[in-house]
Amino acid sequence: MAEMVFVVARTETGGYRARALGEAIFTEADTLPALREMVADAVRCHFDDRELPGMIRLLTESEASTAGPPLRTALDHERAE
């Protein structure tokens, strides 16, 4: 898979939630840096190494319709090393 897109929204408690488009992957965290790590972990748990996406894109709900620039995740960082 070349790319996986998550839509990010604020929660009622002030944290963040992310849901994948096209896959049943959901996660939440208190901060955006923590959410990036949670998304990367959820993707690693959902796919085996051969199926991991090459890029994970996190978009806010408002960016989702315009496909804004990708935010790097912990998974991207691991691949770069």
PDB file of N, CA and C in Angstrom:
ATOM      1  N   MET A   1       0.844  -1.168   0.000  1.00  0.00           N
ATOM      2  CA  MET A   1       0.000   0.000   0.000  1.00  0.00           C
ATOM      3  C   MET A   1       0.895   1.238   0.000  1.00  0.00           C
ATOM      4  N   ALA A   2       0.628   2.141  -0.891  1.00  0.00           N
ATOM      5  CA  ALA A   2       1.465   3.324  -1.022  1.00  0.00           C
ATOM      6  C   ALA A   2       1.213   4.348   0.074  1.00  0.00           C
ATOM      7  N   GLU A   3      -0.058   4.582   0.396  1.00  0.00           N
ATOM      8  CA  GLU A   3      -0.387   5.641   1.342  1.00  0.00           C
ATOM      9  C   GLU A   3      -1.639   5.297   2.130  1.00  0.00           C
ATOM     10  N   MET A   4      -1.673   5.710   3.381  1.00  0.00           N
ATOM     11  CA  MET A   4      -2.863   5.568   4.211  1.00  0.00           C
ATOM     12  C   MET A   4      -3.170   6.941   4.781  1.00  0.00           C
ATOM     13  N   VAL A   5      -4.444   7.323   4.732  1.00  0.00           N
ATOM     14  CA  VAL A   5      -4.878   8.633   5.206  1.00  0.00           C
ATOM     15  C   VAL A   5      -5.727   8.462   6.457  1.00  0.00           C
ATOM     16  N   PHE A   6      -5.423   9.270   7.469  1.00  0.00           N
ATOM     17  CA  PHE A   6      -6.214   9.344   8.693  1.00  0.00           C
ATOM     18  C   PHE A   6      -6.800  10.743   8.799  1.00  0.00           C
ATOM     19  N   VAL A   7      -8.048  10.829   9.215  1.00  0.00           N
ATOM     20  CA  VAL A   7      -8.685  12.115   9.481  1.00  0.00           C
ATOM     21  C   VAL A   7      -8.625  12.344  10.992  1.00  0.00           C
ATOM     22  N   VAL A   8      -8.098  13.492  11.384  1.00  0.00           N
ATOM     23  CA  VAL A   8      -7.885  13.839  12.785  1.00  0.00           C
ATOM     24  C   VAL A   8      -8.928  14.873  13.219  1.00  0.00           C
ATOM     25  N   ALA A   9      -9.495  14.663  14.401  1.00  0.00           N
ATOM     26  CA  ALA A   9     -10.469  15.604  14.965  1.00  0.00           C
ATOM     27  C   ALA A   9     -10.212  15.754  16.451  1.00  0.00           C
ATOM     28  N   ARG A  10     -10.626  16.872  17.003  1.00  0.00           N
ATOM     29  CA  ARG A  10     -10.547  17.094  18.448  1.00  0.00           C
ATOM     30  C   ARG A  10     -11.647  16.282  19.121  1.00  0.00           C
ATOM     31  N   THR A  11     -11.362  15.799  20.315  1.00  0.00           N
ATOM     32  CA  THR A  11     -12.373  15.100  21.099  1.00  0.00           C
ATOM     33  C   THR A  11     -13.052  16.108  22.023  1.00  0.00           C
ATOM     34  N   GLU A  12     -14.136  15.686  22.614  1.00  0.00           N
ATOM     35  CA  GLU A  12     -14.869  16.548  23.535  1.00  0.00           C
ATOM     36  C   GLU A  12     -14.048  16.894  24.775  1.00  0.00           C
ATOM     37  N   THR A  13     -13.077  16.046  25.119  1.00  0.00           N
ATOM     38  CA  THR A  13     -12.249  16.252  26.308  1.00  0.00           C
ATOM     39  C   THR A  13     -10.965  17.025  26.012  1.00  0.00           C
ATOM     40  N   GLY A  14     -10.778  17.460  24.771  1.00  0.00           N
ATOM     41  CA  GLY A  14      -9.612  18.260  24.419  1.00  0.00           C
ATOM     42  C   GLY A  14      -8.479  17.485  23.781  1.00  0.00           C
ATOM     43  N   GLY A  15      -8.608  16.174  23.666  1.00  0.00           N
ATOM     44  CA  GLY A  15      -7.591  15.369  23.003  1.00  0.00           C
ATOM     45  C   GLY A  15      -7.846  15.301  21.508  1.00  0.00           C
ATOM     46  N   TYR A  16      -7.318  14.254  20.897  1.00  0.00           N
ATOM     47  CA  TYR A  16      -7.445  14.066  19.457  1.00  0.00           C
ATOM     48  C   TYR A  16      -7.818  12.625  19.147  1.00  0.00           C
ATOM     49  N   ARG A  17      -8.554  12.438  18.069  1.00  0.00           N
ATOM     50  CA  ARG A  17      -8.860  11.097  17.583  1.00  0.00           C
ATOM     51  C   ARG A  17      -8.508  11.044  16.100  1.00  0.00           C
ATOM     52  N   ALA A  18      -8.145   9.849  15.648  1.00  0.00           N
ATOM     53  CA  ALA A  18      -7.813   9.658  14.238  1.00  0.00           C
ATOM     54  C   ALA A  18      -8.526   8.415  13.743  1.00  0.00           C
ATOM     55  N   ARG A  19      -9.076   8.509  12.535  1.00  0.00           N
ATOM     56  CA  ARG A  19      -9.705   7.345  11.907  1.00  0.00           C
ATOM     57  C   ARG A  19      -9.166   7.220  10.497  1.00  0.00           C
ATOM     58  N   ALA A  20      -8.860   5.995  10.125  1.00  0.00           N
ATOM     59  CA  ALA A  20      -8.321   5.728   8.793  1.00  0.00           C
ATOM     60  C   ALA A  20      -9.437   5.737   7.763  1.00  0.00           C
ATOM     61  N   LEU A  21      -9.120   6.211   6.583  1.00  0.00           N
ATOM     62  CA  LEU A  21     -10.051   6.125   5.468  1.00  0.00           C
ATOM     63  C   LEU A  21      -9.836   4.784   4.778  1.00  0.00           C
ATOM     64  N   GLY A  22     -10.891   4.005   4.657  1.00  0.00           N
ATOM     65  CA  GLY A  22     -10.803   2.734   3.952  1.00  0.00           C
ATOM     66  C   GLY A  22     -10.389   1.541   4.791  1.00  0.00           C
ATOM     67  N   GLU A  23     -10.064   1.760   6.053  1.00  0.00           N
ATOM     68  CA  GLU A  23      -9.677   0.677   6.960  1.00  0.00           C
ATOM     69  C   GLU A  23     -10.345   0.914   8.308  1.00  0.00           C
ATOM     70  N   ALA A  24     -10.559  -0.146   9.054  1.00  0.00           N
ATOM     71  CA  ALA A  24     -11.176  -0.039  10.379  1.00  0.00           C
ATOM     72  C   ALA A  24     -10.090   0.173  11.433  1.00  0.00           C
ATOM     73  N   ILE A  25      -9.443   1.332  11.380  1.00  0.00           N
ATOM     74  CA  ILE A  25      -8.399   1.678  12.333  1.00  0.00           C
ATOM     75  C   ILE A  25      -8.781   3.010  12.970  1.00  0.00           C
ATOM     76  N   PHE A  26      -8.875   3.012  14.303  1.00  0.00           N
ATOM     77  CA  PHE A  26      -9.230   4.195  15.074  1.00  0.00           C
ATOM     78  C   PHE A  26      -8.297   4.272  16.269  1.00  0.00           C
ATOM     79  N   THR A  27      -7.917   5.476  16.665  1.00  0.00           N
ATOM     80  CA  THR A  27      -7.101   5.640  17.859  1.00  0.00           C
ATOM     81  C   THR A  27      -7.294   7.044  18.415  1.00  0.00           C
ATOM     82  N   GLU A  28      -6.922   7.247  19.675  1.00  0.00           N
ATOM     83  CA  GLU A  28      -7.038   8.537  20.350  1.00  0.00           C
ATOM     84  C   GLU A  28      -5.799   8.799  21.186  1.00  0.00           C
ATOM     85  N   ALA A  29      -5.542  10.090  21.441  1.00  0.00           N
ATOM     86  CA  ALA A  29      -4.438  10.488  22.323  1.00  0.00           C
ATOM     87  C   ALA A  29      -4.711  11.902  22.828  1.00  0.00           C
ATOM     88  N   ASP A  30      -3.970  12.300  23.855  1.00  0.00           N
ATOM     89  CA  ASP A  30      -4.156  13.620  24.451  1.00  0.00           C
ATOM     90  C   ASP A  30      -3.500  14.737  23.657  1.00  0.00           C
ATOM     91  N   THR A  31      -2.396  14.430  22.944  1.00  0.00           N
ATOM     92  CA  THR A  31      -1.660  15.444  22.194  1.00  0.00           C
ATOM     93  C   THR A  31      -1.432  14.966  20.767  1.00  0.00           C
ATOM     94  N   LEU A  32      -1.107  15.901  19.868  1.00  0.00           N
ATOM     95  CA  LEU A  32      -0.818  15.511  18.484  1.00  0.00           C
ATOM     96  C   LEU A  32       0.434  14.641  18.371  1.00  0.00           C
ATOM     97  N   PRO A  33       1.533  14.955  19.076  1.00  0.00           N
ATOM     98  CA  PRO A  33       2.691  14.046  19.002  1.00  0.00           C
ATOM     99  C   PRO A  33       2.341  12.633  19.468  1.00  0.00           C
ATOM    100  N   ALA A  34       1.566  12.530  20.535  1.00  0.00           N
ATOM    101  CA  ALA A  34       1.162  11.202  21.023  1.00  0.00           C
ATOM    102  C   ALA A  34       0.240  10.523  20.022  1.00  0.00           C
ATOM    103  N   LEU A  35      -0.619  11.294  19.372  1.00  0.00           N
ATOM    104  CA  LEU A  35      -1.516  10.718  18.361  1.00  0.00           C
ATOM    105  C   LEU A  35      -0.723  10.152  17.195  1.00  0.00           C
ATOM    106  N   ARG A  36       0.312  10.857  16.758  1.00  0.00           N
ATOM    107  CA  ARG A  36       1.158  10.351  15.669  1.00  0.00           C
ATOM    108  C   ARG A  36       1.742   8.983  16.033  1.00  0.00           C
ATOM    109  N   GLU A  37       2.224   8.868  17.265  1.00  0.00           N
ATOM    110  CA  GLU A  37       2.781   7.584  17.712  1.00  0.00           C
ATOM    111  C   GLU A  37       1.710   6.505  17.789  1.00  0.00           C
ATOM    112  N   MET A  38       0.528   6.857  18.272  1.00  0.00           N
ATOM    113  CA  MET A  38      -0.571   5.892  18.374  1.00  0.00           C
ATOM    114  C   MET A  38      -1.009   5.424  16.989  1.00  0.00           C
ATOM    115  N   VAL A  39      -1.064   6.340  16.026  1.00  0.00           N
ATOM    116  CA  VAL A  39      -1.430   5.979  14.653  1.00  0.00           C
ATOM    117  C   VAL A  39      -0.400   5.005  14.083  1.00  0.00           C
ATOM    118  N   ALA A  40       0.878   5.336  14.238  1.00  0.00           N
ATOM    119  CA  ALA A  40       1.929   4.455  13.725  1.00  0.00           C
ATOM    120  C   ALA A  40       1.834   3.068  14.363  1.00  0.00           C
ATOM    121  N   ASP A  41       1.600   3.007  15.661  1.00  0.00           N
ATOM    122  CA  ASP A  41       1.467   1.727  16.355  1.00  0.00           C
ATOM    123  C   ASP A  41       0.247   0.955  15.863  1.00  0.00           C
ATOM    124  N   ALA A  42      -0.869   1.658  15.685  1.00  0.00           N
ATOM    125  CA  ALA A  42      -2.088   0.995  15.206  1.00  0.00           C
ATOM    126  C   ALA A  42      -1.892   0.424  13.806  1.00  0.00           C
ATOM    127  N   VAL A  43      -1.191   1.149  12.951  1.00  0.00           N
ATOM    128  CA  VAL A  43      -0.935   0.664  11.589  1.00  0.00           C
ATOM    129  C   VAL A  43      -0.035  -0.566  11.636  1.00  0.00           C
ATOM    130  N   ARG A  44       1.019  -0.519  12.473  1.00  0.00           N
ATOM    131  CA  ARG A  44       1.906  -1.693  12.595  1.00  0.00           C
ATOM    132  C   ARG A  44       1.144  -2.918  13.097  1.00  0.00           C
ATOM    133  N   CYS A  45       0.165  -2.705  14.002  1.00  0.00           N
ATOM    134  CA  CYS A  45      -0.626  -3.826  14.524  1.00  0.00           C
ATOM    135  C   CYS A  45      -1.621  -4.354  13.491  1.00  0.00           C
ATOM    136  N   HIS A  46      -2.090  -3.491  12.619  1.00  0.00           N
ATOM    137  CA  HIS A  46      -3.129  -3.856  11.652  1.00  0.00           C
ATOM    138  C   HIS A  46      -2.571  -4.593  10.434  1.00  0.00           C
ATOM    139  N   PHE A  47      -1.358  -4.277  10.031  1.00  0.00           N
ATOM    140  CA  PHE A  47      -0.756  -4.854   8.826  1.00  0.00           C
ATOM    141  C   PHE A  47       0.522  -5.606   9.172  1.00  0.00           C
ATOM    142  N   ASP A  48       0.861  -6.596   8.361  1.00  0.00           N
ATOM    143  CA  ASP A  48       2.178  -7.204   8.540  1.00  0.00           C
ATOM    144  C   ASP A  48       3.194  -6.354   7.766  1.00  0.00           C
ATOM    145  N   ASP A  49       4.480  -6.648   7.938  1.00  0.00           N
ATOM    146  CA  ASP A  49       5.543  -5.815   7.370  1.00  0.00           C
ATOM    147  C   ASP A  49       5.433  -5.646   5.859  1.00  0.00           C
ATOM    148  N   ARG A  50       4.971  -6.660   5.153  1.00  0.00           N
ATOM    149  CA  ARG A  50       4.867  -6.578   3.694  1.00  0.00           C
ATOM    150  C   ARG A  50       3.741  -5.653   3.236  1.00  0.00           C
ATOM    151  N   GLU A  51       2.763  -5.423   4.096  1.00  0.00           N
ATOM    152  CA  GLU A  51       1.599  -4.628   3.722  1.00  0.00           C
ATOM    153  C   GLU A  51       1.631  -3.192   4.242  1.00  0.00           C
ATOM    154  N   LEU A  52       2.642  -2.826   5.035  1.00  0.00           N
ATOM    155  CA  LEU A  52       2.684  -1.490   5.623  1.00  0.00           C
ATOM    156  C   LEU A  52       2.664  -0.416   4.546  1.00  0.00           C
ATOM    157  N   PRO A  53       1.902   0.652   4.773  1.00  0.00           N
ATOM    158  CA  PRO A  53       1.886   1.744   3.792  1.00  0.00           C
ATOM    159  C   PRO A  53       3.228   2.462   3.751  1.00  0.00           C
ATOM    160  N   GLY A  54       3.554   2.995   2.589  1.00  0.00           N
ATOM    161  CA  GLY A  54       4.794   3.748   2.442  1.00  0.00           C
ATOM    162  C   GLY A  54       4.731   5.104   3.120  1.00  0.00           C
ATOM    163  N   MET A  55       3.524   5.661   3.232  1.00  0.00           N
ATOM    164  CA  MET A  55       3.339   6.958   3.875  1.00  0.00           C
ATOM    165  C   MET A  55       2.022   6.956   4.632  1.00  0.00           C
ATOM    166  N   ILE A  56       2.035   7.606   5.775  1.00  0.00           N
ATOM    167  CA  ILE A  56       0.808   7.803   6.538  1.00  0.00           C
ATOM    168  C   ILE A  56       0.555   9.307   6.562  1.00  0.00           C
ATOM    169  N   ARG A  57      -0.606   9.693   6.122  1.00  0.00           N
ATOM    170  CA  ARG A  57      -0.975  11.111   6.065  1.00  0.00           C
ATOM    171  C   ARG A  57      -2.041  11.369   7.124  1.00  0.00           C
ATOM    172  N   LEU A  58      -1.784  12.361   7.994  1.00  0.00           N
ATOM    173  CA  LEU A  58      -2.754  12.769   9.003  1.00  0.00           C
ATOM    174  C   LEU A  58      -3.322  14.113   8.576  1.00  0.00           C
ATOM    175  N   LEU A  59      -4.622  14.168   8.369  1.00  0.00           N
ATOM    176  CA  LEU A  59      -5.282  15.392   7.942  1.00  0.00           C
ATOM    177  C   LEU A  59      -6.334  15.794   8.957  1.00  0.00           C
ATOM    178  N   THR A  60      -6.447  17.090   9.230  1.00  0.00           N
ATOM    179  CA  THR A  60      -7.545  17.555  10.053  1.00  0.00           C
ATOM    180  C   THR A  60      -8.824  17.417   9.234  1.00  0.00           C
ATOM    181  N   GLU A  61      -9.952  17.478   9.888  1.00  0.00           N
ATOM    182  CA  GLU A  61     -11.213  17.356   9.156  1.00  0.00           C
ATOM    183  C   GLU A  61     -11.320  18.422   8.076  1.00  0.00           C
ATOM    184  N   SER A  62     -10.843  19.631   8.338  1.00  0.00           N
ATOM    185  CA  SER A  62     -10.928  20.684   7.325  1.00  0.00           C
ATOM    186  C   SER A  62      -9.942  20.459   6.184  1.00  0.00           C
ATOM    187  N   GLU A  63      -8.780  19.866   6.458  1.00  0.00           N
ATOM    188  CA  GLU A  63      -7.809  19.572   5.412  1.00  0.00           C
ATOM    189  C   GLU A  63      -8.207  18.368   4.575  1.00  0.00           C
ATOM    190  N   ALA A  64      -9.006  17.481   5.136  1.00  0.00           N
ATOM    191  CA  ALA A  64      -9.328  16.234   4.447  1.00  0.00           C
ATOM    192  C   ALA A  64      -9.934  16.486   3.074  1.00  0.00           C
ATOM    193  N   SER A  65     -10.700  17.526   2.924  1.00  0.00           N
ATOM    194  CA  SER A  65     -11.319  17.795   1.633  1.00  0.00           C
ATOM    195  C   SER A  65     -10.344  18.421   0.642  1.00  0.00           C
ATOM    196  N   THR A  66      -9.228  18.994   1.151  1.00  0.00           N
ATOM    197  CA  THR A  66      -8.260  19.615   0.248  1.00  0.00           C
ATOM    198  C   THR A  66      -6.946  18.843   0.171  1.00  0.00           C
ATOM    199  N   ALA A  67      -6.833  17.733   0.908  1.00  0.00           N
ATOM    200  CA  ALA A  67      -5.624  16.882   0.914  1.00  0.00           C
ATOM    201  C   ALA A  67      -4.373  17.699   1.174  1.00  0.00           C
ATOM    202  N   GLY A  68      -4.288  18.263   2.358  1.00  0.00           N
ATOM    203  CA  GLY A  68      -3.134  19.063   2.756  1.00  0.00           C
ATOM    204  C   GLY A  68      -1.862  18.239   2.857  1.00  0.00           C
ATOM    205  N   PRO A  69      -0.765  18.884   3.237  1.00  0.00           N
ATOM    206  CA  PRO A  69       0.532  18.197   3.286  1.00  0.00           C
ATOM    207  C   PRO A  69       0.568  17.135   4.382  1.00  0.00           C
ATOM    208  N   PRO A  70       1.347  16.072   4.183  1.00  0.00           N
ATOM    209  CA  PRO A  70       1.415  15.006   5.181  1.00  0.00           C
ATOM    210  C   PRO A  70       2.150  15.454   6.432  1.00  0.00           C
ATOM    211  N   LEU A  71       1.740  14.916   7.564  1.00  0.00           N
ATOM    212  CA  LEU A  71       2.475  15.080   8.806  1.00  0.00           C
ATOM    213  C   LEU A  71       3.285  13.815   9.008  1.00  0.00           C
ATOM    214  N   ARG A  72       4.539  13.963   9.336  1.00  0.00           N
ATOM    215  CA  ARG A  72       5.376  12.783   9.545  1.00  0.00           C
ATOM    216  C   ARG A  72       4.954  12.068  10.812  1.00  0.00           C
ATOM    217  N   THR A  73       5.040  10.748  10.797  1.00  0.00           N
ATOM    218  CA  THR A  73       4.695   9.947  11.960  1.00  0.00           C
ATOM    219  C   THR A  73       5.916   9.220  12.472  1.00  0.00           C
ATOM    220  N   ALA A  74       5.766   8.587  13.599  1.00  0.00           N
ATOM    221  CA  ALA A  74       6.852   7.782  14.143  1.00  0.00           C
ATOM    222  C   ALA A  74       7.224   6.676  13.164  1.00  0.00           C
ATOM    223  N   LEU A  75       6.269   6.147  12.417  1.00  0.00           N
ATOM    224  CA  LEU A  75       6.546   5.107  11.437  1.00  0.00           C
ATOM    225  C   LEU A  75       7.455   5.634  10.338  1.00  0.00           C
ATOM    226  N   ASP A  76       7.208   6.857   9.859  1.00  0.00           N
ATOM    227  CA  ASP A  76       8.088   7.465   8.855  1.00  0.00           C
ATOM    228  C   ASP A  76       9.506   7.594   9.395  1.00  0.00           C
ATOM    229  N   HIS A  77       9.626   8.003  10.664  1.00  0.00           N
ATOM    230  CA  HIS A  77      10.924   8.178  11.289  1.00  0.00           C
ATOM    231  C   HIS A  77      11.665   6.838  11.358  1.00  0.00           C
ATOM    232  N   GLU A  78      10.967   5.780  11.725  1.00  0.00           N
ATOM    233  CA  GLU A  78      11.585   4.449  11.810  1.00  0.00           C
ATOM    234  C   GLU A  78      12.099   4.008  10.437  1.00  0.00           C
ATOM    235  N   ARG A  79      11.335   4.266   9.381  1.00  0.00           N
ATOM    236  CA  ARG A  79      11.739   3.856   8.040  1.00  0.00           C
ATOM    237  C   ARG A  79      12.968   4.619   7.562  1.00  0.00           C
ATOM    238  N   ALA A  80      13.127   5.877   8.010  1.00  0.00           N
ATOM    239  CA  ALA A  80      14.247   6.695   7.585  1.00  0.00           C
ATOM    240  C   ALA A  80      15.556   6.247   8.217  1.00  0.00           C
ATOM    241  N   GLU A  81      15.479   5.565   9.343  1.00  0.00           N
ATOM    242  CA  GLU A  81      16.707   5.159  10.054  1.00  0.00           C
ATOM    243  C   GLU A  81      17.373   3.979   9.401  1.00  0.00           C
TER     244      GLU A  81
END
